[in-house]
Amino acid sequence: MNNKGQVLVLFVLILPIFLLLAYFVYNELTLYGEKKNQEDLTSSLCKYYKKGTSIKELEELALKNDKDISIKIENEENNIKKTLVKEIDDLLNKKNKIKTEIKCE
């Protein structure tokens, strides 16, 4: 018996599923990595704020670290709230927004 046709059909059916799975794993890992980078950046900005750095300097530091983010810093009675938002394109040019908020006291 010749099984070449069966293997080809099986390959053609499984390949798209494998590629789709690889795409989702890559996309989720990319988003997770960017989220961790934003969390690290916001915690670093809190440390700088506690040392007495001005809000304008904090914005400049954040933009120096990552030019693709939008940053919003709100000042409320010696506490500041930082919001970082970044849009990331995935392999299919789908826009994903990553938003990180932290309150420094």
C-alpha atoms as a PDB file:
ATOM      1  CA  MET A   1       0.000   0.000   0.000  1.00  0.00           C
ATOM      2  CA  ASN A   2       1.047   3.561  -0.708  1.00  0.00           C
ATOM      3  CA  ASN A   3       0.534   6.011   2.212  1.00  0.00           C
ATOM      4  CA  LYS A   4       2.006   9.117   0.556  1.00  0.00           C
ATOM      5  CA  GLY A   5      -1.386  10.646  -0.184  1.00  0.00           C
ATOM      6  CA  GLN A   6      -2.600  10.138   3.388  1.00  0.00           C
ATOM      7  CA  VAL A   7       0.473  11.822   4.874  1.00  0.00           C
ATOM      8  CA  LEU A   8       0.101  14.777   2.503  1.00  0.00           C
ATOM      9  CA  VAL A   9      -3.560  15.260   3.456  1.00  0.00           C
ATOM     10  CA  LEU A  10      -2.698  15.007   7.151  1.00  0.00           C
ATOM     11  CA  PHE A  11       0.116  17.547   6.709  1.00  0.00           C
ATOM     12  CA  VAL A  12      -2.165  19.979   4.850  1.00  0.00           C
ATOM     13  CA  LEU A  13      -4.791  19.714   7.612  1.00  0.00           C
ATOM     14  CA  ILE A  14      -2.391  20.048  10.563  1.00  0.00           C
ATOM     15  CA  LEU A  15      -0.085  22.791   9.217  1.00  0.00           C
ATOM     16  CA  PRO A  16      -2.645  25.665   9.490  1.00  0.00           C
ATOM     17  CA  ILE A  17      -3.548  24.592  13.024  1.00  0.00           C
ATOM     18  CA  PHE A  18       0.111  24.539  14.006  1.00  0.00           C
ATOM     19  CA  LEU A  19       0.751  27.979  12.444  1.00  0.00           C
ATOM     20  CA  LEU A  20      -2.292  29.445  14.201  1.00  0.00           C
ATOM     21  CA  LEU A  21      -1.131  28.044  17.521  1.00  0.00           C
ATOM     22  CA  ALA A  22       2.379  29.457  16.964  1.00  0.00           C
ATOM     23  CA  TYR A  23       0.869  32.870  16.135  1.00  0.00           C
ATOM     24  CA  PHE A  24      -1.166  32.965  19.345  1.00  0.00           C
ATOM     25  CA  VAL A  25       1.811  31.898  21.485  1.00  0.00           C
ATOM     26  CA  TYR A  26       4.058  34.542  19.885  1.00  0.00           C
ATOM     27  CA  ASN A  27       1.407  37.254  20.265  1.00  0.00           C
ATOM     28  CA  GLU A  28       0.704  36.496  23.922  1.00  0.00           C
ATOM     29  CA  LEU A  29       4.410  36.349  24.805  1.00  0.00           C
ATOM     30  CA  THR A  30       5.015  39.687  23.089  1.00  0.00           C
ATOM     31  CA  LEU A  31       2.132  41.331  24.943  1.00  0.00           C
ATOM     32  CA  TYR A  32       3.246  39.813  28.248  1.00  0.00           C
ATOM     33  CA  GLY A  33       6.799  41.085  27.750  1.00  0.00           C
ATOM     34  CA  GLU A  34       5.618  44.603  26.924  1.00  0.00           C
ATOM     35  CA  LYS A  35       3.294  44.616  29.939  1.00  0.00           C
ATOM     36  CA  LYS A  36       6.191  43.633  32.232  1.00  0.00           C
ATOM     37  CA  ASN A  37       8.357  46.384  30.693  1.00  0.00           C
ATOM     38  CA  GLN A  38       5.642  48.954  31.395  1.00  0.00           C
ATOM     39  CA  GLU A  39       5.227  47.739  34.971  1.00  0.00           C
ATOM     40  CA  ASP A  40       8.976  48.030  35.523  1.00  0.00           C
ATOM     41  CA  LEU A  41       8.995  51.514  34.015  1.00  0.00           C
ATOM     42  CA  THR A  42       6.123  52.715  36.194  1.00  0.00           C
ATOM     43  CA  SER A  43       7.727  51.332  39.365  1.00  0.00           C
ATOM     44  CA  SER A  44      11.003  53.033  38.419  1.00  0.00           C
ATOM     45  CA  LEU A  45       9.153  56.295  37.884  1.00  0.00           C
ATOM     46  CA  CYS A  46       7.656  55.930  41.381  1.00  0.00           C
ATOM     47  CA  LYS A  47      11.122  55.556  42.854  1.00  0.00           C
ATOM     48  CA  TYR A  48      12.289  58.682  41.027  1.00  0.00           C
ATOM     49  CA  TYR A  49       9.202  60.576  42.214  1.00  0.00           C
ATOM     50  CA  LYS A  50       9.892  59.607  45.833  1.00  0.00           C
ATOM     51  CA  LYS A  51      13.434  60.979  45.425  1.00  0.00           C
ATOM     52  CA  GLY A  52      11.984  64.355  44.435  1.00  0.00           C
ATOM     53  CA  THR A  53      12.005  64.288  40.636  1.00  0.00           C
ATOM     54  CA  SER A  54       9.497  66.665  39.058  1.00  0.00           C
ATOM     55  CA  ILE A  55       6.557  65.450  36.988  1.00  0.00           C
ATOM     56  CA  LYS A  56       7.980  66.993  33.808  1.00  0.00           C
ATOM     57  CA  GLU A  57      11.259  65.117  34.330  1.00  0.00           C
ATOM     58  CA  LEU A  58       9.328  61.892  34.941  1.00  0.00           C
ATOM     59  CA  GLU A  59       7.552  62.300  31.606  1.00  0.00           C
ATOM     60  CA  GLU A  60      10.869  62.941  29.858  1.00  0.00           C
ATOM     61  CA  LEU A  61      12.405  59.846  31.484  1.00  0.00           C
ATOM     62  CA  ALA A  62       9.479  57.684  30.411  1.00  0.00           C
ATOM     63  CA  LEU A  63       9.585  58.938  26.832  1.00  0.00           C
ATOM     64  CA  LYS A  64      13.359  58.534  26.735  1.00  0.00           C
ATOM     65  CA  ASN A  65      12.934  54.905  27.761  1.00  0.00           C
ATOM     66  CA  ASP A  66      10.134  54.127  25.285  1.00  0.00           C
ATOM     67  CA  LYS A  67       9.185  56.582  22.525  1.00  0.00           C
ATOM     68  CA  ASP A  68       6.009  54.722  21.525  1.00  0.00           C
ATOM     69  CA  ILE A  69       4.106  55.185  24.783  1.00  0.00           C
ATOM     70  CA  SER A  70       1.686  57.860  25.798  1.00  0.00           C
ATOM     71  CA  ILE A  71       2.022  58.895  29.412  1.00  0.00           C
ATOM     72  CA  LYS A  72      -0.407  60.693  31.675  1.00  0.00           C
ATOM     73  CA  ILE A  73       0.602  61.765  35.174  1.00  0.00           C
ATOM     74  CA  GLU A  74      -2.022  63.161  37.550  1.00  0.00           C
ATOM     75  CA  ASN A  75      -1.008  64.897  40.756  1.00  0.00           C
ATOM     76  CA  GLU A  76      -3.329  64.521  43.759  1.00  0.00           C
ATOM     77  CA  GLU A  77      -2.136  65.785  47.172  1.00  0.00           C
ATOM     78  CA  ASN A  78       1.446  64.443  47.183  1.00  0.00           C
ATOM     79  CA  ASN A  79       0.277  61.275  45.425  1.00  0.00           C
ATOM     80  CA  ILE A  80       0.643  60.828  41.711  1.00  0.00           C
ATOM     81  CA  LYS A  81      -1.143  58.438  39.404  1.00  0.00           C
ATOM     82  CA  LYS A  82       0.760  57.346  36.298  1.00  0.00           C
ATOM     83  CA  THR A  83      -0.926  55.820  33.285  1.00  0.00           C
ATOM     84  CA  LEU A  84       1.148  54.391  30.431  1.00  0.00           C
ATOM     85  CA  VAL A  85      -0.522  53.285  27.207  1.00  0.00           C
ATOM     86  CA  LYS A  86       1.228  51.618  24.284  1.00  0.00           C
ATOM     87  CA  GLU A  87      -0.194  50.272  21.042  1.00  0.00           C
ATOM     88  CA  ILE A  88       1.519  47.251  19.547  1.00  0.00           C
ATOM     89  CA  ASP A  89       0.934  45.778  16.098  1.00  0.00           C
ATOM     90  CA  ASP A  90       0.982  42.006  15.959  1.00  0.00           C
ATOM     91  CA  LEU A  91       1.851  39.836  12.964  1.00  0.00           C
ATOM     92  CA  LEU A  92      -1.552  40.402  11.368  1.00  0.00           C
ATOM     93  CA  ASN A  93      -1.397  44.212  11.887  1.00  0.00           C
ATOM     94  CA  LYS A  94      -4.003  44.042  14.622  1.00  0.00           C
ATOM     95  CA  LYS A  95      -3.617  46.859  17.162  1.00  0.00           C
ATOM     96  CA  ASN A  96      -3.268  45.798  20.787  1.00  0.00           C
ATOM     97  CA  LYS A  97      -3.340  48.340  23.595  1.00  0.00           C
ATOM     98  CA  ILE A  98      -1.379  47.791  26.769  1.00  0.00           C
ATOM     99  CA  LYS A  99      -2.381  50.024  29.654  1.00  0.00           C
ATOM    100  CA  THR A 100      -0.566  50.213  32.976  1.00  0.00           C
ATOM    101  CA  GLU A 101      -1.660  52.352  35.927  1.00  0.00           C
ATOM    102  CA  ILE A 102       0.159  52.833  39.183  1.00  0.00           C
ATOM    103  CA  LYS A 103      -0.388  55.144  42.120  1.00  0.00           C
ATOM    104  CA  CYS A 104       2.676  56.437  43.987  1.00  0.00           C
ATOM    105  CA  GLU A 105       2.192  57.488  47.566  1.00  0.00           C
END
